Amino acid sequence: MDQNQGNNKMSPTFSLFLSSLSMQTLIFLGEIDNPITHKKDENLDQAKFIIDTLTMLKEKTKGNLTDHENQMIDNILYELRMKYTAKTGKL
């Protein structure tokens, strides 16, 4: 039986954590609506902070990630950096 069945409780995973940070960054980039305000709210400084945090996480976890986790963080960082650069003209 799945550990999450019956209690509807999510278990934290590294992939879920990365997805959460990615969604927050997309909100700060104004790419998706803020779930609280239901508007596109842009905060590029905060977006950059999370991108830098993800970069630091990648470095600090080097050698400890599964292939899937490593590919996921690389893909997320690439996507977010491209979107940030498109908005600001810098990285």
Protein backbone atom coordinates (compact mmCIF):
# COMPACT_ATOMS: atom_id res chain seq x y z
CA MET A 1 0.00 0.00 0.00
CA ASP A 2 1.28 3.47 -0.91
CA GLN A 3 2.47 5.43 2.11
CA ASN A 4 0.27 8.35 1.04
CA GLN A 5 -2.92 6.34 0.56
CA GLY A 6 -5.55 6.76 3.18
CA ASN A 7 -4.16 9.87 4.84
CA ASN A 8 -4.04 12.22 1.80
CA LYS A 9 -0.75 13.55 3.14
CA MET A 10 2.04 14.40 0.73
CA SER A 11 5.54 13.27 1.55
CA PRO A 12 8.32 15.76 0.89
CA THR A 13 10.65 14.84 -1.94
CA PHE A 14 13.52 16.71 -3.55
CA SER A 15 11.58 16.80 -6.84
CA LEU A 16 8.52 18.29 -5.15
CA PHE A 17 10.75 20.87 -3.44
CA LEU A 18 12.30 21.84 -6.80
CA SER A 19 8.85 22.10 -8.38
CA SER A 20 7.68 24.34 -5.56
CA LEU A 21 10.63 26.70 -5.96
CA SER A 22 10.14 26.71 -9.71
CA MET A 23 6.45 27.67 -9.35
CA GLN A 24 7.34 30.46 -6.93
CA THR A 25 9.89 31.79 -9.40
CA LEU A 26 7.37 31.69 -12.26
CA ILE A 27 4.99 33.72 -10.09
CA PHE A 28 7.71 36.28 -9.35
CA LEU A 29 8.59 36.44 -13.05
CA GLY A 30 4.95 37.30 -13.78
CA GLU A 31 4.62 34.17 -15.92
CA ILE A 32 1.67 32.77 -13.96
CA ASP A 33 -0.96 34.30 -11.72
CA ASN A 34 -0.23 34.72 -8.05
CA PRO A 35 -2.63 32.26 -6.36
CA ILE A 36 -3.45 34.81 -3.66
CA THR A 37 -4.04 37.93 -5.76
CA HIS A 38 -5.10 36.09 -8.94
CA LYS A 39 -2.99 38.59 -10.88
CA LYS A 40 0.40 38.47 -12.51
CA ASP A 41 2.67 40.13 -9.95
CA GLU A 42 6.26 40.66 -11.03
CA ASN A 43 9.12 40.77 -8.51
CA LEU A 44 12.33 40.23 -10.47
CA ASP A 45 14.60 40.64 -7.43
CA GLN A 46 12.79 37.80 -5.68
CA ALA A 47 12.87 35.69 -8.85
CA LYS A 48 16.65 36.18 -9.07
CA PHE A 49 17.03 35.26 -5.40
CA ILE A 50 15.29 31.91 -5.94
CA ILE A 51 17.27 31.22 -9.13
CA ASP A 52 20.47 31.90 -7.16
CA THR A 53 19.19 29.66 -4.35
CA LEU A 54 18.55 26.83 -6.82
CA THR A 55 22.06 27.33 -8.23
CA MET A 56 23.51 27.08 -4.72
CA LEU A 57 21.44 23.96 -4.03
CA LYS A 58 22.75 22.35 -7.22
CA GLU A 59 26.34 23.01 -6.13
CA LYS A 60 25.82 21.88 -2.53
CA THR A 61 24.08 18.65 -3.56
CA LYS A 62 26.53 17.76 -6.36
CA GLY A 63 27.24 14.03 -6.28
CA ASN A 64 24.25 13.30 -4.04
CA LEU A 65 21.41 13.57 -6.58
CA THR A 66 19.86 10.82 -8.65
CA ASP A 67 20.13 11.18 -12.42
CA HIS A 68 16.47 12.23 -12.50
CA GLU A 69 16.96 14.89 -9.79
CA ASN A 70 20.10 16.21 -11.48
CA GLN A 71 18.35 16.46 -14.85
CA MET A 72 15.36 18.10 -13.21
CA ILE A 73 17.37 20.83 -11.48
CA ASP A 74 19.34 21.46 -14.69
CA ASN A 75 16.13 21.80 -16.71
CA ILE A 76 14.46 24.05 -14.15
CA LEU A 77 17.51 26.31 -13.90
CA TYR A 78 17.80 26.57 -17.69
CA GLU A 79 14.11 27.45 -18.10
CA LEU A 80 14.08 30.00 -15.27
CA ARG A 81 17.34 31.64 -16.34
CA MET A 82 16.05 32.04 -19.91
CA LYS A 83 12.78 33.59 -18.70
CA TYR A 84 14.64 35.90 -16.29
CA THR A 85 17.09 36.95 -19.02
CA ALA A 86 14.21 37.63 -21.43
CA LYS A 87 12.65 39.97 -18.86
CA THR A 88 15.81 41.74 -17.72
CA GLY A 89 18.38 41.33 -20.48
CA LYS A 90 20.84 39.98 -17.88
CA LEU A 91 21.47 36.92 -15.76
